[in-house]
C-alpha cells in the first residue's frame, strides 16, 4: 500500500479528488517513522518544520499541566494530520503522542505548500479538515462542560465509531479495535478512572455499548445516539 493511501482515503471521506489531485498527493515526499506506545512525536514548545500523517495506529494531542496531569484534547486515526496547523502556527501549544504502536509519515512543510499552491481542491480539503478538527473540539468542550459523564462518554463513543467507519476501519462484525485505556478515555472526558469505569459499566449493563479487551462493540446504536444526543453533521462526512 502506498504511504499516501490513508491520507487519500481521509480526504475522500470529506470531499472529491480528481486523478490530478491524487497524483499531487502521491508526489509528496513522505518519510515513515515508527513509534512505540506512549512515544512523543512533538512536545509543547517545539517548532516543527514538518507535519505528520497518521499511517497506522492512533495518536493523541494533549495539554500537560504543571502537576503532571494531562488533558487529552483529541484522538487521531489513520489518514488524519494532527499537526497540519503547524504550517501556519510556529510553536506547538500542546504535545502529540502515539497512543499505540504507530507509524506516521513525516512531510516537510515546504512540500505541503507546494501541493497546496498547485491544487485549489487540495487547499480547500486541507482547510476543510482543519475546520472539522475545530468542530470536533467544540463537541469535546461540550462533552466536558455540559453533557455529563454518561452522555459525554456515549457521544465520544458515537464519534469514534463514525470516524472509524468513514475510513473503513471497522471489522466485518461492526466492532472497532479501540486502543484506549480507561485512563485515556477519562483524560479525554475530564473524568476520574473510577468515574469512567462506572460509566462504561452502566452502558454495558444496559446493553447499549461494551468496551472489552480493547474492542468497542455498539449493541444498540439508536439508544447510544439518543443518550449522547449525537448528530454526526459536525463531522461533515460525505453521505
C-alpha atoms as a PDB file:
ATOM      1  CA  UNK A   1       0.000   0.000   0.000  1.00  0.00           C
ATOM      2  CA  UNK A   2       1.273   3.478  -0.885  1.00  0.00           C
ATOM      3  CA  UNK A   3       2.138   5.679   2.092  1.00  0.00           C
ATOM      4  CA  UNK A   4      -0.363   8.294   0.887  1.00  0.00           C
ATOM      5  CA  UNK A   5      -3.359   5.933   0.737  1.00  0.00           C
ATOM      6  CA  UNK A   6      -4.558   6.671   4.311  1.00  0.00           C
ATOM      7  CA  UNK A   7      -4.476  10.422   3.559  1.00  0.00           C
ATOM      8  CA  UNK A   8      -6.295   9.922   0.254  1.00  0.00           C
ATOM      9  CA  UNK A   9      -8.972   7.814   1.992  1.00  0.00           C
ATOM     10  CA  UNK A  10      -9.418  10.519   4.623  1.00  0.00           C
ATOM     11  CA  UNK A  11      -9.679  13.344   2.077  1.00  0.00           C
ATOM     12  CA  UNK A  12     -12.156  11.362   0.001  1.00  0.00           C
ATOM     13  CA  UNK A  13     -14.339  10.885   3.085  1.00  0.00           C
ATOM     14  CA  UNK A  14     -14.873  14.666   3.201  1.00  0.00           C
ATOM     15  CA  UNK A  15     -14.580  15.637  -0.468  1.00  0.00           C
ATOM     16  CA  UNK A  16     -13.724  14.551  -4.000  1.00  0.00           C
ATOM     17  CA  UNK A  17     -10.279  14.164  -5.513  1.00  0.00           C
ATOM     18  CA  UNK A  18      -9.594  14.201  -9.237  1.00  0.00           C
ATOM     19  CA  UNK A  19      -6.931  11.995 -10.789  1.00  0.00           C
ATOM     20  CA  UNK A  20      -4.655  15.054 -10.891  1.00  0.00           C
ATOM     21  CA  UNK A  21      -5.243  15.742  -7.204  1.00  0.00           C
ATOM     22  CA  UNK A  22      -4.454  12.140  -6.315  1.00  0.00           C
ATOM     23  CA  UNK A  23      -1.257  12.351  -8.352  1.00  0.00           C
ATOM     24  CA  UNK A  24      -0.243  15.501  -6.490  1.00  0.00           C
ATOM     25  CA  UNK A  25      -0.831  13.836  -3.123  1.00  0.00           C
ATOM     26  CA  UNK A  26       1.156  10.860  -4.373  1.00  0.00           C
ATOM     27  CA  UNK A  27       4.033  13.210  -5.243  1.00  0.00           C
ATOM     28  CA  UNK A  28       4.530  14.182  -1.595  1.00  0.00           C
ATOM     29  CA  UNK A  29       7.808  13.006  -0.132  1.00  0.00           C
ATOM     30  CA  UNK A  30       6.807  11.037   2.948  1.00  0.00           C
ATOM     31  CA  UNK A  31       9.310   9.711   5.468  1.00  0.00           C
ATOM     32  CA  UNK A  32       7.832   6.946   7.637  1.00  0.00           C
ATOM     33  CA  UNK A  33       8.615   6.864  11.336  1.00  0.00           C
ATOM     34  CA  UNK A  34       7.709   4.049  13.703  1.00  0.00           C
ATOM     35  CA  UNK A  35       6.624   4.915  17.232  1.00  0.00           C
ATOM     36  CA  UNK A  36       6.137   2.739  20.276  1.00  0.00           C
ATOM     37  CA  UNK A  37       3.112   3.263  22.503  1.00  0.00           C
ATOM     38  CA  UNK A  38       3.392   6.468  24.569  1.00  0.00           C
ATOM     39  CA  UNK A  39       6.294   7.793  22.488  1.00  0.00           C
ATOM     40  CA  UNK A  40       6.241  11.546  21.975  1.00  0.00           C
ATOM     41  CA  UNK A  41       6.190  12.861  18.457  1.00  0.00           C
ATOM     42  CA  UNK A  42       6.093  16.533  19.450  1.00  0.00           C
ATOM     43  CA  UNK A  43       6.314  18.402  22.747  1.00  0.00           C
ATOM     44  CA  UNK A  44       4.720  21.638  23.825  1.00  0.00           C
ATOM     45  CA  UNK A  45       7.039  24.442  22.726  1.00  0.00           C
ATOM     46  CA  UNK A  46       8.529  22.599  19.749  1.00  0.00           C
ATOM     47  CA  UNK A  47       8.892  24.461  16.446  1.00  0.00           C
ATOM     48  CA  UNK A  48       8.190  21.834  13.767  1.00  0.00           C
ATOM     49  CA  UNK A  49       9.212  22.154  10.122  1.00  0.00           C
ATOM     50  CA  UNK A  50       7.083  19.236   9.006  1.00  0.00           C
ATOM     51  CA  UNK A  51       3.644  17.786   9.574  1.00  0.00           C
ATOM     52  CA  UNK A  52       2.691  14.160  10.027  1.00  0.00           C
ATOM     53  CA  UNK A  53       0.088  11.817   8.610  1.00  0.00           C
ATOM     54  CA  UNK A  54      -1.050   9.007  10.882  1.00  0.00           C
ATOM     55  CA  UNK A  55      -0.498   5.908   8.734  1.00  0.00           C
ATOM     56  CA  UNK A  56      -1.381   3.249  11.300  1.00  0.00           C
ATOM     57  CA  UNK A  57      -2.237   3.182  14.969  1.00  0.00           C
ATOM     58  CA  UNK A  58      -3.704   6.090  16.927  1.00  0.00           C
ATOM     59  CA  UNK A  59      -2.208   9.357  18.173  1.00  0.00           C
ATOM     60  CA  UNK A  60      -3.436  11.877  20.714  1.00  0.00           C
ATOM     61  CA  UNK A  61      -2.925  15.556  21.355  1.00  0.00           C
ATOM     62  CA  UNK A  62      -2.883  16.685  24.962  1.00  0.00           C
ATOM     63  CA  UNK A  63      -2.141  19.572  27.249  1.00  0.00           C
ATOM     64  CA  UNK A  64       0.380  18.922  30.009  1.00  0.00           C
ATOM     65  CA  UNK A  65      -0.325  20.570  33.358  1.00  0.00           C
ATOM     66  CA  UNK A  66       2.280  21.630  35.900  1.00  0.00           C
ATOM     67  CA  UNK A  67       1.176  18.966  38.372  1.00  0.00           C
ATOM     68  CA  UNK A  68       1.797  16.237  35.789  1.00  0.00           C
ATOM     69  CA  UNK A  69      -1.845  15.699  34.827  1.00  0.00           C
ATOM     70  CA  UNK A  70      -2.913  15.544  31.189  1.00  0.00           C
ATOM     71  CA  UNK A  71      -5.976  16.725  29.349  1.00  0.00           C
ATOM     72  CA  UNK A  72      -6.388  14.785  26.118  1.00  0.00           C
ATOM     73  CA  UNK A  73      -7.819  17.218  23.562  1.00  0.00           C
ATOM     74  CA  UNK A  74      -8.111  14.946  20.516  1.00  0.00           C
ATOM     75  CA  UNK A  75      -7.610  11.431  19.197  1.00  0.00           C
ATOM     76  CA  UNK A  76      -6.317  10.873  15.666  1.00  0.00           C
ATOM     77  CA  UNK A  77      -6.960   7.894  13.396  1.00  0.00           C
ATOM     78  CA  UNK A  78      -5.145   6.778  10.222  1.00  0.00           C
ATOM     79  CA  UNK A  79      -5.229   9.341   7.420  1.00  0.00           C
ATOM     80  CA  UNK A  80      -5.502  12.324   9.741  1.00  0.00           C
ATOM     81  CA  UNK A  81      -2.880  15.058  10.086  1.00  0.00           C
ATOM     82  CA  UNK A  82      -2.932  16.091  13.749  1.00  0.00           C
ATOM     83  CA  UNK A  83      -0.400  18.897  13.360  1.00  0.00           C
ATOM     84  CA  UNK A  84      -1.445  20.312   9.994  1.00  0.00           C
ATOM     85  CA  UNK A  85      -1.964  23.691  11.664  1.00  0.00           C
ATOM     86  CA  UNK A  86       1.798  23.871  12.300  1.00  0.00           C
ATOM     87  CA  UNK A  87       2.069  25.051   8.685  1.00  0.00           C
ATOM     88  CA  UNK A  88       0.976  28.465   9.955  1.00  0.00           C
ATOM     89  CA  UNK A  89       1.439  28.385  13.728  1.00  0.00           C
ATOM     90  CA  UNK A  90       5.093  28.216  14.724  1.00  0.00           C
ATOM     91  CA  UNK A  91       5.185  26.907  18.276  1.00  0.00           C
ATOM     92  CA  UNK A  92       3.351  23.804  19.468  1.00  0.00           C
ATOM     93  CA  UNK A  93       0.953  24.707  22.275  1.00  0.00           C
ATOM     94  CA  UNK A  94       0.302  21.038  23.058  1.00  0.00           C
ATOM     95  CA  UNK A  95       2.059  17.689  22.813  1.00  0.00           C
ATOM     96  CA  UNK A  96       1.471  14.857  20.344  1.00  0.00           C
ATOM     97  CA  UNK A  97       1.979  11.244  21.396  1.00  0.00           C
ATOM     98  CA  UNK A  98       1.350   7.780  19.992  1.00  0.00           C
ATOM     99  CA  UNK A  99      -1.383   6.003  21.947  1.00  0.00           C
ATOM    100  CA  UNK A 100      -0.489   2.646  20.416  1.00  0.00           C
ATOM    101  CA  UNK A 101       2.380   1.379  18.355  1.00  0.00           C
ATOM    102  CA  UNK A 102       2.028   3.584  15.309  1.00  0.00           C
ATOM    103  CA  UNK A 103       3.558   4.605  12.033  1.00  0.00           C
ATOM    104  CA  UNK A 104       3.426   8.235  10.945  1.00  0.00           C
ATOM    105  CA  UNK A 105       4.513   9.792   7.684  1.00  0.00           C
ATOM    106  CA  UNK A 106       6.536  12.984   8.031  1.00  0.00           C
ATOM    107  CA  UNK A 107       6.003  15.600   5.302  1.00  0.00           C
ATOM    108  CA  UNK A 108       8.055  18.782   5.025  1.00  0.00           C
ATOM    109  CA  UNK A 109       6.015  21.978   5.269  1.00  0.00           C
ATOM    110  CA  UNK A 110       7.545  23.235   2.023  1.00  0.00           C
ATOM    111  CA  UNK A 111       6.325  20.097   0.230  1.00  0.00           C
ATOM    112  CA  UNK A 112       2.804  20.586   1.587  1.00  0.00           C
ATOM    113  CA  UNK A 113       2.839  24.211   0.497  1.00  0.00           C
ATOM    114  CA  UNK A 114       3.849  23.084  -2.992  1.00  0.00           C
ATOM    115  CA  UNK A 115       0.781  20.853  -3.482  1.00  0.00           C
ATOM    116  CA  UNK A 116      -1.482  23.499  -1.927  1.00  0.00           C
ATOM    117  CA  UNK A 117      -0.224  26.061  -4.451  1.00  0.00           C
ATOM    118  CA  UNK A 118      -0.753  23.654  -7.343  1.00  0.00           C
ATOM    119  CA  UNK A 119      -4.256  22.458  -6.410  1.00  0.00           C
ATOM    120  CA  UNK A 120      -7.059  24.692  -5.130  1.00  0.00           C
ATOM    121  CA  UNK A 121      -9.018  21.487  -4.430  1.00  0.00           C
ATOM    122  CA  UNK A 122      -6.356  20.127  -2.095  1.00  0.00           C
ATOM    123  CA  UNK A 123      -6.005  23.521  -0.446  1.00  0.00           C
ATOM    124  CA  UNK A 124      -9.748  23.533   0.169  1.00  0.00           C
ATOM    125  CA  UNK A 125      -9.851  19.969   1.510  1.00  0.00           C
ATOM    126  CA  UNK A 126      -6.949  20.505   3.898  1.00  0.00           C
ATOM    127  CA  UNK A 127      -8.569  23.724   5.111  1.00  0.00           C
ATOM    128  CA  UNK A 128     -11.852  21.817   5.446  1.00  0.00           C
ATOM    129  CA  UNK A 129     -10.056  19.191   7.534  1.00  0.00           C
ATOM    130  CA  UNK A 130      -8.795  21.849   9.970  1.00  0.00           C
ATOM    131  CA  UNK A 131     -12.315  23.261  10.255  1.00  0.00           C
ATOM    132  CA  UNK A 132     -13.699  19.785  11.004  1.00  0.00           C
ATOM    133  CA  UNK A 133     -10.966  19.429  13.622  1.00  0.00           C
ATOM    134  CA  UNK A 134     -12.224  22.642  15.217  1.00  0.00           C
ATOM    135  CA  UNK A 135     -15.819  21.354  15.103  1.00  0.00           C
ATOM    136  CA  UNK A 136     -14.709  18.215  16.965  1.00  0.00           C
ATOM    137  CA  UNK A 137     -13.004  20.408  19.570  1.00  0.00           C
ATOM    138  CA  UNK A 138     -16.304  22.218  20.162  1.00  0.00           C
ATOM    139  CA  UNK A 139     -18.099  18.936  20.757  1.00  0.00           C
ATOM    140  CA  UNK A 140     -15.401  17.791  23.184  1.00  0.00           C
ATOM    141  CA  UNK A 141     -15.728  21.041  25.113  1.00  0.00           C
ATOM    142  CA  UNK A 142     -19.464  20.382  25.361  1.00  0.00           C
ATOM    143  CA  UNK A 143     -18.774  16.807  26.486  1.00  0.00           C
ATOM    144  CA  UNK A 144     -16.590  18.047  29.326  1.00  0.00           C
ATOM    145  CA  UNK A 145     -18.673  21.051  30.268  1.00  0.00           C
ATOM    146  CA  UNK A 146     -22.346  20.246  29.824  1.00  0.00           C
ATOM    147  CA  UNK A 147     -23.232  16.729  28.713  1.00  0.00           C
ATOM    148  CA  UNK A 148     -22.385  14.929  31.928  1.00  0.00           C
ATOM    149  CA  UNK A 149     -20.469  11.681  32.304  1.00  0.00           C
ATOM    150  CA  UNK A 150     -22.922   9.269  30.673  1.00  0.00           C
ATOM    151  CA  UNK A 151     -23.933  11.463  27.722  1.00  0.00           C
ATOM    152  CA  UNK A 152     -20.369  12.692  27.180  1.00  0.00           C
ATOM    153  CA  UNK A 153     -18.968   9.160  27.125  1.00  0.00           C
ATOM    154  CA  UNK A 154     -21.741   7.999  24.797  1.00  0.00           C
ATOM    155  CA  UNK A 155     -21.041  10.961  22.492  1.00  0.00           C
ATOM    156  CA  UNK A 156     -17.323  10.178  22.304  1.00  0.00           C
ATOM    157  CA  UNK A 157     -18.042   6.510  21.509  1.00  0.00           C
ATOM    158  CA  UNK A 158     -20.502   7.526  18.772  1.00  0.00           C
ATOM    159  CA  UNK A 159     -17.956   9.911  17.279  1.00  0.00           C
ATOM    160  CA  UNK A 160     -15.116   7.402  17.290  1.00  0.00           C
ATOM    161  CA  UNK A 161     -17.265   4.702  15.685  1.00  0.00           C
ATOM    162  CA  UNK A 162     -18.437   7.130  12.999  1.00  0.00           C
ATOM    163  CA  UNK A 163     -14.928   8.318  12.225  1.00  0.00           C
ATOM    164  CA  UNK A 164     -13.592   4.761  12.138  1.00  0.00           C
ATOM    165  CA  UNK A 165     -16.405   3.693   9.802  1.00  0.00           C
ATOM    166  CA  UNK A 166     -15.681   6.595   7.434  1.00  0.00           C
ATOM    167  CA  UNK A 167     -12.155   5.313   6.773  1.00  0.00           C
ATOM    168  CA  UNK A 168     -13.137   1.635   6.607  1.00  0.00           C
ATOM    169  CA  UNK A 169     -11.553   0.747   9.946  1.00  0.00           C
ATOM    170  CA  UNK A 170     -14.432  -1.310  11.386  1.00  0.00           C
ATOM    171  CA  UNK A 171     -14.191  -5.085  11.495  1.00  0.00           C
ATOM    172  CA  UNK A 172     -16.580  -7.227   9.466  1.00  0.00           C
ATOM    173  CA  UNK A 173     -18.771  -7.709  12.566  1.00  0.00           C
ATOM    174  CA  UNK A 174     -19.102  -3.933  13.019  1.00  0.00           C
ATOM    175  CA  UNK A 175     -16.772  -3.702  16.017  1.00  0.00           C
ATOM    176  CA  UNK A 176     -13.764  -1.402  16.286  1.00  0.00           C
ATOM    177  CA  UNK A 177     -10.457  -2.344  17.934  1.00  0.00           C
ATOM    178  CA  UNK A 178     -10.419   0.694  20.194  1.00  0.00           C
ATOM    179  CA  UNK A 179      -6.929   1.050  21.670  1.00  0.00           C
ATOM    180  CA  UNK A 180      -7.598   3.471  24.519  1.00  0.00           C
ATOM    181  CA  UNK A 181      -7.263   2.614  28.171  1.00  0.00           C
ATOM    182  CA  UNK A 182      -9.976   3.733  30.557  1.00  0.00           C
ATOM    183  CA  UNK A 183      -7.493   6.267  31.935  1.00  0.00           C
ATOM    184  CA  UNK A 184      -7.027   7.778  28.467  1.00  0.00           C
ATOM    185  CA  UNK A 185     -10.785   7.949  27.924  1.00  0.00           C
ATOM    186  CA  UNK A 186     -11.110   9.614  31.314  1.00  0.00           C
ATOM    187  CA  UNK A 187      -8.372  12.107  30.385  1.00  0.00           C
ATOM    188  CA  UNK A 188     -10.354  12.969  27.247  1.00  0.00           C
ATOM    189  CA  UNK A 189     -13.627  13.421  29.128  1.00  0.00           C
ATOM    190  CA  UNK A 190     -12.314  15.029  32.314  1.00  0.00           C
ATOM    191  CA  UNK A 191     -13.397  12.006  34.366  1.00  0.00           C
ATOM    192  CA  UNK A 192     -11.568  10.078  37.066  1.00  0.00           C
ATOM    193  CA  UNK A 193     -10.681   6.444  36.469  1.00  0.00           C
ATOM    194  CA  UNK A 194     -13.391   5.367  38.907  1.00  0.00           C
ATOM    195  CA  UNK A 195     -15.995   7.542  37.163  1.00  0.00           C
ATOM    196  CA  UNK A 196     -15.200   6.383  33.606  1.00  0.00           C
ATOM    197  CA  UNK A 197     -15.195   2.768  34.778  1.00  0.00           C
ATOM    198  CA  UNK A 198     -18.633   3.242  36.342  1.00  0.00           C
ATOM    199  CA  UNK A 199     -19.960   4.960  33.210  1.00  0.00           C
ATOM    200  CA  UNK A 200     -18.743   2.259  30.815  1.00  0.00           C
ATOM    201  CA  UNK A 201     -20.177  -0.373  33.154  1.00  0.00           C
ATOM    202  CA  UNK A 202     -23.582   1.346  33.024  1.00  0.00           C
ATOM    203  CA  UNK A 203     -23.567   1.365  29.202  1.00  0.00           C
ATOM    204  CA  UNK A 204     -22.587  -2.295  29.144  1.00  0.00           C
ATOM    205  CA  UNK A 205     -25.173  -3.406  31.691  1.00  0.00           C
ATOM    206  CA  UNK A 206     -27.898  -1.534  29.795  1.00  0.00           C
ATOM    207  CA  UNK A 207     -26.875  -3.421  26.610  1.00  0.00           C
ATOM    208  CA  UNK A 208     -26.008  -0.184  24.818  1.00  0.00           C
ATOM    209  CA  UNK A 209     -22.246  -0.448  24.229  1.00  0.00           C
ATOM    210  CA  UNK A 210     -19.384  -2.531  25.544  1.00  0.00           C
ATOM    211  CA  UNK A 211     -15.657  -1.820  25.638  1.00  0.00           C
ATOM    212  CA  UNK A 212     -13.928  -5.094  26.384  1.00  0.00           C
ATOM    213  CA  UNK A 213     -10.366  -6.270  25.728  1.00  0.00           C
ATOM    214  CA  UNK A 214      -9.632  -3.275  23.545  1.00  0.00           C
ATOM    215  CA  UNK A 215     -12.703  -3.688  21.327  1.00  0.00           C
ATOM    216  CA  UNK A 216     -15.684  -1.328  21.110  1.00  0.00           C
ATOM    217  CA  UNK A 217     -18.969  -3.070  20.353  1.00  0.00           C
ATOM    218  CA  UNK A 218     -22.105  -0.969  19.941  1.00  0.00           C
ATOM    219  CA  UNK A 219     -25.073  -3.123  20.962  1.00  0.00           C
ATOM    220  CA  UNK A 220     -27.817  -0.568  20.356  1.00  0.00           C
ATOM    221  CA  UNK A 221     -26.774   2.323  18.116  1.00  0.00           C
ATOM    222  CA  UNK A 222     -30.080   4.196  18.318  1.00  0.00           C
ATOM    223  CA  UNK A 223     -30.051   4.093  22.106  1.00  0.00           C
ATOM    224  CA  UNK A 224     -26.377   5.142  22.304  1.00  0.00           C
ATOM    225  CA  UNK A 225     -27.002   8.072  19.950  1.00  0.00           C
ATOM    226  CA  UNK A 226     -30.085   9.043  21.945  1.00  0.00           C
ATOM    227  CA  UNK A 227     -28.170   9.068  25.241  1.00  0.00           C
ATOM    228  CA  UNK A 228     -25.436  11.158  23.609  1.00  0.00           C
ATOM    229  CA  UNK A 229     -27.698  13.485  21.660  1.00  0.00           C
ATOM    230  CA  UNK A 230     -25.367  12.569  18.803  1.00  0.00           C
ATOM    231  CA  UNK A 231     -25.745  14.281  15.444  1.00  0.00           C
ATOM    232  CA  UNK A 232     -22.837  13.466  13.083  1.00  0.00           C
ATOM    233  CA  UNK A 233     -23.355  16.611  10.999  1.00  0.00           C
ATOM    234  CA  UNK A 234     -20.369  18.301  12.668  1.00  0.00           C
ATOM    235  CA  UNK A 235     -18.037  15.673  11.134  1.00  0.00           C
ATOM    236  CA  UNK A 236     -19.039  16.882   7.667  1.00  0.00           C
ATOM    237  CA  UNK A 237     -18.618  13.474   6.063  1.00  0.00           C
ATOM    238  CA  UNK A 238     -19.777  12.745   2.523  1.00  0.00           C
ATOM    239  CA  UNK A 239     -23.113  10.966   2.619  1.00  0.00           C
END
